[in-house]
Amino acid sequence: MLFENKQLIIKYIENDNKDGYYDFSVEIKDFDTPNINLKFDYDKGKIVTMWIDIYEDENEPKNHVVYKLFDLCKYNISTILKFMIEHK
């Protein structure tokens, strides 16, 4: 499943959900930054963990920037993730 708007591309990653969390990949458009992978707890409505795949990205200064940008839109992303889970 894919969600896209002017600022973001969010991809749902299929998994077995043994831990009860949903996996997503978030790309922030208009910035040359790596994607953020995250686990989302639907029941609590919050992001449990997030990380950048270091094997795909070798520019560590940009990693710091993407975390700051992500933090600015975390609430909006959580709302989108809930919607995606409800309509998958």
C-alpha atoms as a PDB file:
ATOM      1  CA  MET A   1       0.000   0.000   0.000  1.00  0.00           C
ATOM      2  CA  LEU A   2       1.254   3.485  -0.848  1.00  0.00           C
ATOM      3  CA  PHE A   3       0.305   6.975   0.323  1.00  0.00           C
ATOM      4  CA  GLU A   4       1.635  10.067  -1.409  1.00  0.00           C
ATOM      5  CA  ASN A   5       1.044  13.792  -0.978  1.00  0.00           C
ATOM      6  CA  LYS A   6       3.089  16.954  -1.633  1.00  0.00           C
ATOM      7  CA  GLN A   7       5.523  16.303   1.219  1.00  0.00           C
ATOM      8  CA  LEU A   8       5.639  12.534   1.794  1.00  0.00           C
ATOM      9  CA  ILE A   9       5.662   9.078   0.283  1.00  0.00           C
ATOM     10  CA  ILE A  10       4.677   6.418   2.821  1.00  0.00           C
ATOM     11  CA  LYS A  11       4.903   2.712   1.993  1.00  0.00           C
ATOM     12  CA  TYR A  12       3.369  -0.066   4.047  1.00  0.00           C
ATOM     13  CA  ILE A  13       5.770  -2.995   4.352  1.00  0.00           C
ATOM     14  CA  GLU A  14       4.131  -6.414   4.574  1.00  0.00           C
ATOM     15  CA  ASN A  15       5.264  -8.491   7.528  1.00  0.00           C
ATOM     16  CA  ASP A  16       3.940 -11.216   9.805  1.00  0.00           C
ATOM     17  CA  ASN A  17       3.122  -8.704  12.617  1.00  0.00           C
ATOM     18  CA  LYS A  18       4.288 -11.131  15.325  1.00  0.00           C
ATOM     19  CA  ASP A  19       5.245  -8.158  17.466  1.00  0.00           C
ATOM     20  CA  GLY A  20       1.865  -6.474  16.856  1.00  0.00           C
ATOM     21  CA  TYR A  21       3.461  -3.519  15.077  1.00  0.00           C
ATOM     22  CA  TYR A  22       3.093  -2.334  11.488  1.00  0.00           C
ATOM     23  CA  ASP A  23       6.171  -1.550   9.398  1.00  0.00           C
ATOM     24  CA  PHE A  24       6.410   1.504   7.148  1.00  0.00           C
ATOM     25  CA  SER A  25       8.970   3.368   5.089  1.00  0.00           C
ATOM     26  CA  VAL A  26       8.695   7.173   4.901  1.00  0.00           C
ATOM     27  CA  GLU A  27      10.328   9.352   2.263  1.00  0.00           C
ATOM     28  CA  ILE A  28      10.328  13.127   2.703  1.00  0.00           C
ATOM     29  CA  LYS A  29      10.063  14.744  -0.718  1.00  0.00           C
ATOM     30  CA  ASP A  30      12.024  17.806  -1.838  1.00  0.00           C
ATOM     31  CA  PHE A  31      14.977  16.843   0.363  1.00  0.00           C
ATOM     32  CA  ASP A  32      17.873  14.635  -0.594  1.00  0.00           C
ATOM     33  CA  THR A  33      17.639  12.532   2.558  1.00  0.00           C
ATOM     34  CA  PRO A  34      17.344   8.804   3.206  1.00  0.00           C
ATOM     35  CA  ASN A  35      14.064   7.048   3.929  1.00  0.00           C
ATOM     36  CA  ILE A  36      13.064   6.440   7.519  1.00  0.00           C
ATOM     37  CA  ASN A  37      11.810   2.978   8.408  1.00  0.00           C
ATOM     38  CA  LEU A  38       9.494   2.723  11.379  1.00  0.00           C
ATOM     39  CA  LYS A  39       7.326   0.447  13.471  1.00  0.00           C
ATOM     40  CA  PHE A  40       3.896   1.771  14.414  1.00  0.00           C
ATOM     41  CA  ASP A  41       1.698   0.556  17.284  1.00  0.00           C
ATOM     42  CA  TYR A  42      -1.880   0.990  16.065  1.00  0.00           C
ATOM     43  CA  ASP A  43      -3.470   0.311  19.471  1.00  0.00           C
ATOM     44  CA  LYS A  44      -1.469   3.059  21.174  1.00  0.00           C
ATOM     45  CA  GLY A  45      -1.400   5.284  18.077  1.00  0.00           C
ATOM     46  CA  LYS A  46       2.303   5.962  18.279  1.00  0.00           C
ATOM     47  CA  ILE A  47       5.579   5.263  16.563  1.00  0.00           C
ATOM     48  CA  VAL A  48       7.498   2.664  18.558  1.00  0.00           C
ATOM     49  CA  THR A  49      10.844   2.793  16.786  1.00  0.00           C
ATOM     50  CA  MET A  50      12.453   4.327  13.703  1.00  0.00           C
ATOM     51  CA  TRP A  51      15.739   3.839  11.894  1.00  0.00           C
ATOM     52  CA  ILE A  52      17.626   4.513   8.693  1.00  0.00           C
ATOM     53  CA  ASP A  53      19.044   1.592   6.729  1.00  0.00           C
ATOM     54  CA  ILE A  54      22.760   2.373   6.859  1.00  0.00           C
ATOM     55  CA  TYR A  55      23.470   0.019   3.965  1.00  0.00           C
ATOM     56  CA  GLU A  56      21.356   2.135   1.618  1.00  0.00           C
ATOM     57  CA  ASP A  57      22.625   5.499   2.810  1.00  0.00           C
ATOM     58  CA  GLU A  58      26.240   6.467   3.375  1.00  0.00           C
ATOM     59  CA  ASN A  59      25.833  10.177   4.063  1.00  0.00           C
ATOM     60  CA  GLU A  60      25.569  10.406   7.844  1.00  0.00           C
ATOM     61  CA  PRO A  61      25.108  14.208   8.083  1.00  0.00           C
ATOM     62  CA  LYS A  62      21.873  13.867   6.118  1.00  0.00           C
ATOM     63  CA  ASN A  63      20.647  11.251   8.589  1.00  0.00           C
ATOM     64  CA  HIS A  64      20.547  13.865  11.331  1.00  0.00           C
ATOM     65  CA  VAL A  65      18.569  16.222   9.082  1.00  0.00           C
ATOM     66  CA  VAL A  66      15.948  13.614   8.150  1.00  0.00           C
ATOM     67  CA  TYR A  67      15.266  12.843  11.820  1.00  0.00           C
ATOM     68  CA  LYS A  68      14.706  16.557  12.515  1.00  0.00           C
ATOM     69  CA  LEU A  69      12.412  16.929   9.492  1.00  0.00           C
ATOM     70  CA  PHE A  70      10.509  13.807  10.501  1.00  0.00           C
ATOM     71  CA  ASP A  71      10.028  15.137  14.021  1.00  0.00           C
ATOM     72  CA  LEU A  72       8.318  18.237  12.616  1.00  0.00           C
ATOM     73  CA  CYS A  73       5.598  16.192  10.904  1.00  0.00           C
ATOM     74  CA  LYS A  74       5.365  13.200  13.277  1.00  0.00           C
ATOM     75  CA  TYR A  75       1.742  13.888  14.289  1.00  0.00           C
ATOM     76  CA  ASN A  76       0.565  14.117  10.674  1.00  0.00           C
ATOM     77  CA  ILE A  77       2.406  10.928   9.808  1.00  0.00           C
ATOM     78  CA  SER A  78       0.802   9.068  12.725  1.00  0.00           C
ATOM     79  CA  THR A  79      -2.634  10.114  11.485  1.00  0.00           C
ATOM     80  CA  ILE A  80      -1.819   8.895   7.959  1.00  0.00           C
ATOM     81  CA  LEU A  81      -0.480   5.583   9.301  1.00  0.00           C
ATOM     82  CA  LYS A  82      -3.704   4.957  11.246  1.00  0.00           C
ATOM     83  CA  PHE A  83      -5.722   5.660   8.095  1.00  0.00           C
ATOM     84  CA  MET A  84      -3.569   3.307   6.018  1.00  0.00           C
ATOM     85  CA  ILE A  85      -3.926   0.480   8.528  1.00  0.00           C
ATOM     86  CA  GLU A  86      -7.697   0.915   8.731  1.00  0.00           C
ATOM     87  CA  HIS A  87      -8.034   0.817   4.937  1.00  0.00           C
ATOM     88  CA  LYS A  88      -5.456  -1.766   3.921  1.00  0.00           C
END
